[in-house]
Amino acid sequence: MAFNFGTVKISYKMESKKNITVFGATGKIGRELVKFLLQANVEVIAITRDKNKATTMPHVEWMEADMANKESLYDTMKDSRSVFLLSGQGPNLVEEQNNVIQAAKTAGVKHIVKLSSGAVDENSPFYIPGMFFAKVHADVEALLKASDIPYTMLQPNGFMQNWLGELSQTVKQERKIYDAAGDGKRAYLDIRDIAETAFRILTEPKCHINKTYLLTGGEALNYTEIAKLVSNVIGEKVTFIPLSSDEAHQLMEQRGVPLIAIKTLLAYSEAQRNGKASFVSNTVPEILHKPARTVEAFIKDHADWFK
């Protein structure tokens, strides 16, 4: 069966189990992945803990399930050949994602694509020893490998979409960007590229079985350069204000950010400030057969968030 997707022709062989189950389907990456699958007429089982968040779409069956309850997971994969595994960064992530893995094994799933973290692998340029979220993703990766289910690990770097929160608000209100990353650079990644990469792997799995991919954008930039790009798009000067770790901690604490998230974000900023985050991977263009989306294109696409 073949589909025309953009300028690239997609072909894959349908198996007896026709569906792809997407966990985290109402999140940013999951929503984008479902869109790509729909454009290829792939039958999707979209999982949510609350069906009130679901949007009716052709070829999508929404199912309510809770990763903490293994019994609720079996029906979500009974007719699925592949699973996309993503969940919120909660304290029970390892147990919950392992429930999915074990239920997938029982259901006879042939491939799991797991969204992990670029900070997991000690051989990665983004490795952050001792960071909680890196450790829990590493634990899940080990459990998935031990399950003998064919897998693909996606280990992304920083997300551009994270700018559509506090950062975009301070740009709107003050024309300033605050961060503790200093002059350090990072090859930020558009989550649409993550979703499209996952789509290609899920629908053409043969070349990607039991592989781990480090995902980045195509250019490493610091916040001074990002501020200049935002300035060019909105037509007003935006300035980057570097913060110390203590100042950033205090600001996030005032906003009500959970302590574990504060520690994670500060660890990422420290690594970037110390020049440990500027690596650029070729994985996205190699899998998508086109360049990764640029920061400038992202800002133009989301200009109203910054004006």
C-alpha atoms as a PDB file:
ATOM      1  CA  MET A   1       0.000   0.000   0.000  1.00  0.00           C
ATOM      2  CA  ALA A   2       1.380   3.435  -0.928  1.00  0.00           C
ATOM      3  CA  PHE A   3       0.527   6.995   0.031  1.00  0.00           C
ATOM      4  CA  ASN A   4       1.704  10.374  -1.187  1.00  0.00           C
ATOM      5  CA  PHE A   5       2.768  12.387   1.846  1.00  0.00           C
ATOM      6  CA  GLY A   6       4.056  15.824   0.921  1.00  0.00           C
ATOM      7  CA  THR A   7       6.735  15.328  -1.709  1.00  0.00           C
ATOM      8  CA  VAL A   8       7.797  11.899  -0.457  1.00  0.00           C
ATOM      9  CA  LYS A   9       6.070   8.656  -1.352  1.00  0.00           C
ATOM     10  CA  ILE A  10       5.372   6.407   1.655  1.00  0.00           C
ATOM     11  CA  SER A  11       4.993   2.656   1.177  1.00  0.00           C
ATOM     12  CA  TYR A  12       4.498  -0.107   3.682  1.00  0.00           C
ATOM     13  CA  LYS A  13       3.055  -3.566   3.884  1.00  0.00           C
ATOM     14  CA  MET A  14      -0.102  -3.983   5.938  1.00  0.00           C
ATOM     15  CA  GLU A  15       0.016  -6.818   8.454  1.00  0.00           C
ATOM     16  CA  SER A  16      -2.804  -8.838   9.968  1.00  0.00           C
ATOM     17  CA  LYS A  17      -2.873  -6.396  12.864  1.00  0.00           C
ATOM     18  CA  LYS A  18      -3.717  -3.120  11.231  1.00  0.00           C
ATOM     19  CA  ASN A  19      -3.769  -0.472  13.976  1.00  0.00           C
ATOM     20  CA  ILE A  20      -1.158   1.770  15.541  1.00  0.00           C
ATOM     21  CA  THR A  21      -1.800   2.639  19.180  1.00  0.00           C
ATOM     22  CA  VAL A  22      -0.695   6.105  20.276  1.00  0.00           C
ATOM     23  CA  PHE A  23      -0.229   6.794  23.985  1.00  0.00           C
ATOM     24  CA  GLY A  24      -0.098  10.464  24.910  1.00  0.00           C
ATOM     25  CA  ALA A  25      -2.428  11.205  21.981  1.00  0.00           C
ATOM     26  CA  THR A  26      -3.797  14.423  23.493  1.00  0.00           C
ATOM     27  CA  GLY A  27      -0.325  15.861  24.170  1.00  0.00           C
ATOM     28  CA  LYS A  28       1.646  18.103  21.827  1.00  0.00           C
ATOM     29  CA  ILE A  29       3.690  15.370  20.162  1.00  0.00           C
ATOM     30  CA  GLY A  30       0.897  12.794  20.212  1.00  0.00           C
ATOM     31  CA  ARG A  31      -1.551  15.147  18.502  1.00  0.00           C
ATOM     32  CA  GLU A  32       0.940  15.892  15.725  1.00  0.00           C
ATOM     33  CA  LEU A  33       1.705  12.181  15.262  1.00  0.00           C
ATOM     34  CA  VAL A  34      -1.997  11.358  14.961  1.00  0.00           C
ATOM     35  CA  LYS A  35      -2.287  14.029  12.234  1.00  0.00           C
ATOM     36  CA  PHE A  36       0.519  12.441  10.206  1.00  0.00           C
ATOM     37  CA  LEU A  37      -0.997   8.972  10.588  1.00  0.00           C
ATOM     38  CA  LEU A  38      -4.422  10.250   9.499  1.00  0.00           C
ATOM     39  CA  GLN A  39      -2.987  11.846   6.376  1.00  0.00           C
ATOM     40  CA  ALA A  40      -1.698   8.373   5.453  1.00  0.00           C
ATOM     41  CA  ASN A  41      -5.091   6.755   6.243  1.00  0.00           C
ATOM     42  CA  VAL A  42      -3.563   4.632   9.006  1.00  0.00           C
ATOM     43  CA  GLU A  43      -6.049   3.259  11.547  1.00  0.00           C
ATOM     44  CA  VAL A  44      -5.193   4.774  14.939  1.00  0.00           C
ATOM     45  CA  ILE A  45      -6.109   3.789  18.472  1.00  0.00           C
ATOM     46  CA  ALA A  46      -5.624   7.030  20.416  1.00  0.00           C
ATOM     47  CA  ILE A  47      -5.275   6.669  24.175  1.00  0.00           C
ATOM     48  CA  THR A  48      -6.323   9.218  26.766  1.00  0.00           C
ATOM     49  CA  ARG A  49      -7.208   9.134  30.437  1.00  0.00           C
ATOM     50  CA  ASP A  50     -10.129  11.468  29.708  1.00  0.00           C
ATOM     51  CA  LYS A  51     -12.182  11.029  26.531  1.00  0.00           C
ATOM     52  CA  ASN A  52     -13.597  14.518  27.039  1.00  0.00           C
ATOM     53  CA  LYS A  53     -10.237  15.747  25.692  1.00  0.00           C
ATOM     54  CA  ALA A  54     -10.658  13.715  22.509  1.00  0.00           C
ATOM     55  CA  THR A  55     -11.513  15.194  19.114  1.00  0.00           C
ATOM     56  CA  THR A  56     -13.548  13.078  16.708  1.00  0.00           C
ATOM     57  CA  MET A  57     -11.495  12.286  13.596  1.00  0.00           C
ATOM     58  CA  PRO A  58     -11.788   9.747  10.773  1.00  0.00           C
ATOM     59  CA  HIS A  59      -9.768   6.536  11.216  1.00  0.00           C
ATOM     60  CA  VAL A  60      -9.237   7.301  14.931  1.00  0.00           C
ATOM     61  CA  GLU A  61     -10.741   5.252  17.723  1.00  0.00           C
ATOM     62  CA  TRP A  62     -10.381   6.975  21.061  1.00  0.00           C
ATOM     63  CA  MET A  63     -10.017   4.728  24.079  1.00  0.00           C
ATOM     64  CA  GLU A  64      -9.849   5.666  27.735  1.00  0.00           C
ATOM     65  CA  ALA A  65      -7.099   3.968  29.715  1.00  0.00           C
ATOM     66  CA  ASP A  66      -4.794   4.644  32.642  1.00  0.00           C
ATOM     67  CA  MET A  67      -1.180   3.505  32.472  1.00  0.00           C
ATOM     68  CA  ALA A  68      -1.267   2.964  36.231  1.00  0.00           C
ATOM     69  CA  ASN A  69      -3.953   0.307  35.708  1.00  0.00           C
ATOM     70  CA  LYS A  70      -2.516  -2.512  33.604  1.00  0.00           C
ATOM     71  CA  GLU A  71      -5.937  -4.145  33.181  1.00  0.00           C
ATOM     72  CA  SER A  72      -7.182  -1.051  31.341  1.00  0.00           C
ATOM     73  CA  LEU A  73      -4.388  -1.354  28.753  1.00  0.00           C
ATOM     74  CA  TYR A  74      -4.966  -4.735  27.125  1.00  0.00           C
ATOM     75  CA  ASP A  75      -7.895  -3.714  24.920  1.00  0.00           C
ATOM     76  CA  THR A  76      -5.969  -0.675  23.637  1.00  0.00           C
ATOM     77  CA  MET A  77      -3.502  -2.914  21.767  1.00  0.00           C
ATOM     78  CA  LYS A  78      -5.415  -6.101  20.946  1.00  0.00           C
ATOM     79  CA  ASP A  79      -5.499  -5.340  17.200  1.00  0.00           C
ATOM     80  CA  SER A  80      -2.380  -3.154  16.947  1.00  0.00           C
ATOM     81  CA  ARG A  81       0.882  -4.014  15.246  1.00  0.00           C
ATOM     82  CA  SER A  82       2.769  -1.034  16.718  1.00  0.00           C
ATOM     83  CA  VAL A  83       2.707   1.291  19.710  1.00  0.00           C
ATOM     84  CA  PHE A  84       3.963   4.829  20.257  1.00  0.00           C
ATOM     85  CA  LEU A  85       4.881   5.131  23.939  1.00  0.00           C
ATOM     86  CA  LEU A  86       4.725   8.556  25.553  1.00  0.00           C
ATOM     87  CA  SER A  87       3.408   9.715  28.909  1.00  0.00           C
ATOM     88  CA  GLY A  88       3.612  12.645  31.282  1.00  0.00           C
ATOM     89  CA  GLN A  89       6.786  13.097  33.334  1.00  0.00           C
ATOM     90  CA  GLY A  90       5.239  11.915  36.584  1.00  0.00           C
ATOM     91  CA  PRO A  91       6.960  10.200  39.532  1.00  0.00           C
ATOM     92  CA  ASN A  92       5.524   6.801  38.497  1.00  0.00           C
ATOM     93  CA  LEU A  93       6.704   6.966  34.885  1.00  0.00           C
ATOM     94  CA  VAL A  94       8.764   3.754  35.048  1.00  0.00           C
ATOM     95  CA  GLU A  95       5.974   1.632  36.510  1.00  0.00           C
ATOM     96  CA  GLU A  96       3.330   3.067  34.184  1.00  0.00           C
ATOM     97  CA  GLN A  97       5.324   2.716  30.979  1.00  0.00           C
ATOM     98  CA  ASN A  98       6.372  -0.790  31.995  1.00  0.00           C
ATOM     99  CA  ASN A  99       2.667  -1.636  32.340  1.00  0.00           C
ATOM    100  CA  VAL A 100       2.253  -0.632  28.696  1.00  0.00           C
ATOM    101  CA  ILE A 101       5.266  -2.715  27.680  1.00  0.00           C
ATOM    102  CA  GLN A 102       3.975  -5.803  29.479  1.00  0.00           C
ATOM    103  CA  ALA A 103       0.458  -5.379  28.080  1.00  0.00           C
ATOM    104  CA  ALA A 104       1.926  -4.916  24.594  1.00  0.00           C
ATOM    105  CA  LYS A 105       3.862  -8.153  24.965  1.00  0.00           C
ATOM    106  CA  THR A 106       0.694 -10.001  25.953  1.00  0.00           C
ATOM    107  CA  ALA A 107      -1.167  -8.449  23.002  1.00  0.00           C
ATOM    108  CA  GLY A 108       1.517  -9.538  20.525  1.00  0.00           C
ATOM    109  CA  VAL A 109       2.601  -6.034  19.514  1.00  0.00           C
ATOM    110  CA  LYS A 110       5.478  -6.215  17.017  1.00  0.00           C
ATOM    111  CA  HIS A 111       7.110  -2.810  17.525  1.00  0.00           C
ATOM    112  CA  ILE A 112       7.243  -0.073  20.182  1.00  0.00           C
ATOM    113  CA  VAL A 113       8.547   3.407  19.428  1.00  0.00           C
ATOM    114  CA  LYS A 114       9.409   5.055  22.745  1.00  0.00           C
ATOM    115  CA  LEU A 115       9.885   8.767  23.214  1.00  0.00           C
ATOM    116  CA  SER A 116      12.805   9.007  25.620  1.00  0.00           C
ATOM    117  CA  SER A 117      15.333  11.743  26.454  1.00  0.00           C
ATOM    118  CA  GLY A 118      18.592  12.922  24.926  1.00  0.00           C
ATOM    119  CA  ALA A 119      20.082  12.998  28.439  1.00  0.00           C
ATOM    120  CA  VAL A 120      19.713   9.228  28.991  1.00  0.00           C
ATOM    121  CA  ASP A 121      22.818   7.681  27.457  1.00  0.00           C
ATOM    122  CA  GLU A 122      26.188   8.240  29.134  1.00  0.00           C
ATOM    123  CA  ASN A 123      27.726   8.282  25.640  1.00  0.00           C
ATOM    124  CA  SER A 124      25.381  11.070  24.521  1.00  0.00           C
ATOM    125  CA  PRO A 125      26.666  14.650  24.246  1.00  0.00           C
ATOM    126  CA  PHE A 126      23.555  15.637  26.239  1.00  0.00           C
ATOM    127  CA  TYR A 127      24.097  13.161  29.086  1.00  0.00           C
ATOM    128  CA  ILE A 128      23.315  14.639  32.504  1.00  0.00           C
ATOM    129  CA  PRO A 129      24.352  12.213  35.274  1.00  0.00           C
ATOM    130  CA  GLY A 130      21.974  11.896  38.194  1.00  0.00           C
ATOM    131  CA  MET A 131      19.099  13.827  36.612  1.00  0.00           C
ATOM    132  CA  PHE A 132      15.817  12.215  37.678  1.00  0.00           C
ATOM    133  CA  PHE A 133      14.010  12.257  34.333  1.00  0.00           C
ATOM    134  CA  ALA A 134      17.075  10.961  32.509  1.00  0.00           C
ATOM    135  CA  LYS A 135      17.304   8.072  34.971  1.00  0.00           C
ATOM    136  CA  VAL A 136      13.639   7.071  34.707  1.00  0.00           C
ATOM    137  CA  HIS A 137      13.747   7.079  30.900  1.00  0.00           C
ATOM    138  CA  ALA A 138      16.923   4.997  31.059  1.00  0.00           C
ATOM    139  CA  ASP A 139      15.111   2.529  33.322  1.00  0.00           C
ATOM    140  CA  VAL A 140      12.199   2.254  30.873  1.00  0.00           C
ATOM    141  CA  GLU A 141      14.578   1.786  27.940  1.00  0.00           C
ATOM    142  CA  ALA A 142      16.207  -1.114  29.811  1.00  0.00           C
ATOM    143  CA  LEU A 143      12.808  -2.694  30.525  1.00  0.00           C
ATOM    144  CA  LEU A 144      11.759  -2.347  26.892  1.00  0.00           C
ATOM    145  CA  LYS A 145      14.977  -3.951  25.658  1.00  0.00           C
ATOM    146  CA  ALA A 146      14.542  -6.802  28.160  1.00  0.00           C
ATOM    147  CA  SER A 147      10.961  -7.422  26.948  1.00  0.00           C
ATOM    148  CA  ASP A 148      12.222  -8.715  23.562  1.00  0.00           C
ATOM    149  CA  ILE A 149       9.651  -6.544  21.765  1.00  0.00           C
ATOM    150  CA  PRO A 150      11.330  -4.890  18.759  1.00  0.00           C
ATOM    151  CA  TYR A 151      11.861  -1.241  19.665  1.00  0.00           C
ATOM    152  CA  THR A 152      13.011   2.127  18.442  1.00  0.00           C
ATOM    153  CA  MET A 153      14.145   4.744  20.981  1.00  0.00           C
ATOM    154  CA  LEU A 154      13.767   8.425  20.138  1.00  0.00           C
ATOM    155  CA  GLN A 155      15.960  10.653  22.298  1.00  0.00           C
ATOM    156  CA  PRO A 156      15.141  14.301  21.516  1.00  0.00           C
ATOM    157  CA  ASN A 157      16.931  17.475  22.530  1.00  0.00           C
ATOM    158  CA  GLY A 158      15.193  20.722  23.670  1.00  0.00           C
ATOM    159  CA  PHE A 159      11.784  21.540  22.141  1.00  0.00           C
ATOM    160  CA  MET A 160      10.981  24.810  20.374  1.00  0.00           C
ATOM    161  CA  GLN A 161       7.352  24.501  21.519  1.00  0.00           C
ATOM    162  CA  ASN A 162       8.532  25.027  25.111  1.00  0.00           C
ATOM    163  CA  TRP A 163       8.961  28.682  24.148  1.00  0.00           C
ATOM    164  CA  LEU A 164       5.185  29.042  23.786  1.00  0.00           C
ATOM    165  CA  GLY A 165       4.774  29.521  27.516  1.00  0.00           C
ATOM    166  CA  GLU A 166       6.564  31.854  29.891  1.00  0.00           C
ATOM    167  CA  LEU A 167       9.157  32.844  27.273  1.00  0.00           C
ATOM    168  CA  SER A 168       6.573  34.015  24.745  1.00  0.00           C
ATOM    169  CA  GLN A 169       4.729  35.874  27.522  1.00  0.00           C
ATOM    170  CA  THR A 170       7.801  37.856  28.598  1.00  0.00           C
ATOM    171  CA  VAL A 171       8.483  38.660  24.938  1.00  0.00           C
ATOM    172  CA  LYS A 172       4.915  39.943  24.571  1.00  0.00           C
ATOM    173  CA  GLN A 173       4.905  41.914  27.798  1.00  0.00           C
ATOM    174  CA  GLU A 174       8.510  43.101  28.127  1.00  0.00           C
ATOM    175  CA  ARG A 175      10.255  42.300  24.826  1.00  0.00           C
ATOM    176  CA  LYS A 176      12.735  40.262  26.879  1.00  0.00           C
ATOM    177  CA  ILE A 177      13.833  36.622  27.147  1.00  0.00           C
ATOM    178  CA  TYR A 178      15.082  35.338  30.506  1.00  0.00           C
ATOM    179  CA  ASP A 179      17.068  32.122  30.890  1.00  0.00           C
ATOM    180  CA  ALA A 180      20.009  30.638  32.801  1.00  0.00           C
ATOM    181  CA  ALA A 181      21.652  29.129  29.689  1.00  0.00           C
ATOM    182  CA  GLY A 182      24.074  32.027  29.238  1.00  0.00           C
ATOM    183  CA  ASP A 183      25.759  32.098  25.836  1.00  0.00           C
ATOM    184  CA  GLY A 184      25.456  28.334  25.462  1.00  0.00           C
ATOM    185  CA  LYS A 185      23.916  26.939  22.309  1.00  0.00           C
ATOM    186  CA  ARG A 186      21.390  24.147  21.746  1.00  0.00           C
ATOM    187  CA  ALA A 187      20.022  22.624  18.542  1.00  0.00           C
ATOM    188  CA  TYR A 188      16.359  23.076  19.441  1.00  0.00           C
ATOM    189  CA  LEU A 189      13.878  20.741  17.808  1.00  0.00           C
ATOM    190  CA  ASP A 190      10.371  21.390  16.482  1.00  0.00           C
ATOM    191  CA  ILE A 191       8.049  18.711  17.879  1.00  0.00           C
ATOM    192  CA  ARG A 192       6.493  18.412  14.432  1.00  0.00           C
ATOM    193  CA  ASP A 193       9.806  16.897  13.337  1.00  0.00           C
ATOM    194  CA  ILE A 194       9.678  14.462  16.256  1.00  0.00           C
ATOM    195  CA  ALA A 195       6.141  13.447  15.329  1.00  0.00           C
ATOM    196  CA  GLU A 196       6.974  13.082  11.646  1.00  0.00           C
ATOM    197  CA  THR A 197      10.081  11.039  12.466  1.00  0.00           C
ATOM    198  CA  ALA A 198       7.965   8.750  14.669  1.00  0.00           C
ATOM    199  CA  PHE A 199       5.423   8.481  11.838  1.00  0.00           C
ATOM    200  CA  ARG A 200       8.055   7.376   9.339  1.00  0.00           C
ATOM    201  CA  ILE A 201       9.466   4.810  11.748  1.00  0.00           C
ATOM    202  CA  LEU A 202       6.056   3.414  12.707  1.00  0.00           C
ATOM    203  CA  THR A 203       4.940   3.031   9.098  1.00  0.00           C
ATOM    204  CA  GLU A 204       8.292   1.880   7.696  1.00  0.00           C
ATOM    205  CA  PRO A 205       9.772   0.003  10.668  1.00  0.00           C
ATOM    206  CA  LYS A 206      12.088  -2.445   8.907  1.00  0.00           C
ATOM    207  CA  CYS A 207      15.197  -0.222   8.888  1.00  0.00           C
ATOM    208  CA  HIS A 208      14.644   1.101  12.413  1.00  0.00           C
ATOM    209  CA  ILE A 209      14.186  -2.024  14.519  1.00  0.00           C
ATOM    210  CA  ASN A 210      16.219  -2.061  17.757  1.00  0.00           C
ATOM    211  CA  LYS A 211      17.832   1.290  17.025  1.00  0.00           C
ATOM    212  CA  THR A 212      18.246   4.393  19.171  1.00  0.00           C
ATOM    213  CA  TYR A 213      18.149   7.837  17.577  1.00  0.00           C
ATOM    214  CA  LEU A 214      19.366  11.108  19.060  1.00  0.00           C
ATOM    215  CA  LEU A 215      17.166  13.873  17.636  1.00  0.00           C
ATOM    216  CA  THR A 216      18.095  17.547  17.338  1.00  0.00           C
ATOM    217  CA  GLY A 217      17.279  20.491  15.171  1.00  0.00           C
ATOM    218  CA  GLY A 218      19.573  21.456  12.331  1.00  0.00           C
ATOM    219  CA  GLU A 219      21.283  24.483  13.934  1.00  0.00           C
ATOM    220  CA  ALA A 220      22.650  25.213  17.395  1.00  0.00           C
ATOM    221  CA  LEU A 221      21.682  28.684  18.626  1.00  0.00           C
ATOM    222  CA  ASN A 222      21.947  30.632  21.877  1.00  0.00           C
ATOM    223  CA  TYR A 223      19.256  32.889  23.293  1.00  0.00           C
ATOM    224  CA  THR A 224      20.901  36.054  22.018  1.00  0.00           C
ATOM    225  CA  GLU A 225      20.558  34.669  18.492  1.00  0.00           C
ATOM    226  CA  ILE A 226      17.008  33.497  19.172  1.00  0.00           C
ATOM    227  CA  ALA A 227      16.070  36.940  20.486  1.00  0.00           C
ATOM    228  CA  LYS A 228      17.378  38.455  17.251  1.00  0.00           C
ATOM    229  CA  LEU A 229      15.275  36.054  15.161  1.00  0.00           C
ATOM    230  CA  VAL A 230      12.173  36.907  17.194  1.00  0.00           C
ATOM    231  CA  SER A 231      12.972  40.612  16.760  1.00  0.00           C
ATOM    232  CA  ASN A 232      13.163  40.202  12.988  1.00  0.00           C
ATOM    233  CA  VAL A 233       9.822  38.400  12.847  1.00  0.00           C
ATOM    234  CA  ILE A 234       7.796  40.712  15.110  1.00  0.00           C
ATOM    235  CA  GLY A 235       9.510  43.919  13.990  1.00  0.00           C
ATOM    236  CA  GLU A 236      10.528  45.041  17.494  1.00  0.00           C
ATOM    237  CA  LYS A 237      13.771  44.576  19.411  1.00  0.00           C
ATOM    238  CA  VAL A 238      13.814  41.648  21.834  1.00  0.00           C
ATOM    239  CA  THR A 239      16.660  41.377  24.364  1.00  0.00           C
ATOM    240  CA  PHE A 240      18.059  38.310  26.089  1.00  0.00           C
ATOM    241  CA  ILE A 241      18.592  38.736  29.839  1.00  0.00           C
ATOM    242  CA  PRO A 242      20.898  36.034  31.261  1.00  0.00           C
ATOM    243  CA  LEU A 243      19.991  34.759  34.728  1.00  0.00           C
ATOM    244  CA  SER A 244      22.010  32.996  37.362  1.00  0.00           C
ATOM    245  CA  SER A 245      20.809  29.557  38.427  1.00  0.00           C
ATOM    246  CA  ASP A 246      19.590  31.032  41.721  1.00  0.00           C
ATOM    247  CA  GLU A 247      17.619  33.751  39.942  1.00  0.00           C
ATOM    248  CA  ALA A 248      16.055  31.223  37.566  1.00  0.00           C
ATOM    249  CA  HIS A 249      15.196  28.916  40.480  1.00  0.00           C
ATOM    250  CA  GLN A 250      13.472  31.764  42.317  1.00  0.00           C
ATOM    251  CA  LEU A 251      11.457  32.817  39.264  1.00  0.00           C
ATOM    252  CA  MET A 252      10.234  29.287  38.579  1.00  0.00           C
ATOM    253  CA  GLU A 253       9.412  28.780  42.248  1.00  0.00           C
ATOM    254  CA  GLN A 254       7.310  31.971  42.207  1.00  0.00           C
ATOM    255  CA  ARG A 255       5.408  30.608  39.185  1.00  0.00           C
ATOM    256  CA  GLY A 256       4.594  27.404  41.045  1.00  0.00           C
ATOM    257  CA  VAL A 257       6.821  25.101  38.997  1.00  0.00           C
ATOM    258  CA  PRO A 258       7.299  21.772  40.873  1.00  0.00           C
ATOM    259  CA  LEU A 259      10.712  21.364  42.475  1.00  0.00           C
ATOM    260  CA  ILE A 260      11.621  18.275  40.433  1.00  0.00           C
ATOM    261  CA  ALA A 261      10.852  20.183  37.212  1.00  0.00           C
ATOM    262  CA  ILE A 262      12.915  23.164  38.420  1.00  0.00           C
ATOM    263  CA  LYS A 263      15.903  20.905  39.054  1.00  0.00           C
ATOM    264  CA  THR A 264      15.512  19.314  35.614  1.00  0.00           C
ATOM    265  CA  LEU A 265      15.278  22.639  33.790  1.00  0.00           C
ATOM    266  CA  LEU A 266      18.260  24.050  35.676  1.00  0.00           C
ATOM    267  CA  ALA A 267      20.303  20.951  34.838  1.00  0.00           C
ATOM    268  CA  TYR A 268      19.516  21.460  31.138  1.00  0.00           C
ATOM    269  CA  SER A 269      20.418  25.152  31.385  1.00  0.00           C
ATOM    270  CA  GLU A 270      23.683  24.399  33.166  1.00  0.00           C
ATOM    271  CA  ALA A 271      24.677  21.870  30.526  1.00  0.00           C
ATOM    272  CA  GLN A 272      23.885  24.391  27.800  1.00  0.00           C
ATOM    273  CA  ARG A 273      25.697  27.219  29.580  1.00  0.00           C
ATOM    274  CA  ASN A 274      28.785  25.002  29.852  1.00  0.00           C
ATOM    275  CA  GLY A 275      28.813  24.239  26.131  1.00  0.00           C
ATOM    276  CA  LYS A 276      27.562  20.650  26.424  1.00  0.00           C
ATOM    277  CA  ALA A 277      24.378  21.024  24.352  1.00  0.00           C
ATOM    278  CA  SER A 278      25.504  22.314  20.956  1.00  0.00           C
ATOM    279  CA  PHE A 279      25.746  18.940  19.179  1.00  0.00           C
ATOM    280  CA  VAL A 280      23.743  18.680  15.927  1.00  0.00           C
ATOM    281  CA  SER A 281      22.470  15.270  14.839  1.00  0.00           C
ATOM    282  CA  ASN A 282      21.744  14.329  11.208  1.00  0.00           C
ATOM    283  CA  THR A 283      19.024  11.825  12.158  1.00  0.00           C
ATOM    284  CA  VAL A 284      15.975  13.969  11.381  1.00  0.00           C
ATOM    285  CA  PRO A 285      17.018  14.906   7.807  1.00  0.00           C
ATOM    286  CA  GLU A 286      18.204  11.352   7.145  1.00  0.00           C
ATOM    287  CA  ILE A 287      14.861   9.830   8.141  1.00  0.00           C
ATOM    288  CA  LEU A 288      12.622  12.583   6.730  1.00  0.00           C
ATOM    289  CA  HIS A 289      14.694  13.184   3.566  1.00  0.00           C
ATOM    290  CA  LYS A 290      14.479  16.922   4.172  1.00  0.00           C
ATOM    291  CA  PRO A 291      16.075  19.432   6.557  1.00  0.00           C
ATOM    292  CA  ALA A 292      14.801  19.825  10.113  1.00  0.00           C
ATOM    293  CA  ARG A 293      12.492  22.796  10.639  1.00  0.00           C
ATOM    294  CA  THR A 294      14.431  25.933  11.539  1.00  0.00           C
ATOM    295  CA  VAL A 295      14.010  28.229  14.533  1.00  0.00           C
ATOM    296  CA  GLU A 296      13.190  31.094  12.168  1.00  0.00           C
ATOM    297  CA  ALA A 297      10.438  29.064  10.486  1.00  0.00           C
ATOM    298  CA  PHE A 298       9.050  28.068  13.881  1.00  0.00           C
ATOM    299  CA  ILE A 299       8.913  31.688  15.055  1.00  0.00           C
ATOM    300  CA  LYS A 300       7.187  32.749  11.832  1.00  0.00           C
ATOM    301  CA  ASP A 301       4.646  29.945  12.209  1.00  0.00           C
ATOM    302  CA  HIS A 302       3.924  31.069  15.797  1.00  0.00           C
ATOM    303  CA  ALA A 303       4.454  34.814  15.417  1.00  0.00           C
ATOM    304  CA  ASP A 304       1.184  35.706  17.177  1.00  0.00           C
ATOM    305  CA  TRP A 305       2.497  34.074  20.361  1.00  0.00           C
ATOM    306  CA  PHE A 306       5.315  36.655  20.503  1.00  0.00           C
ATOM    307  CA  LYS A 307       3.722  39.869  19.207  1.00  0.00           C
END
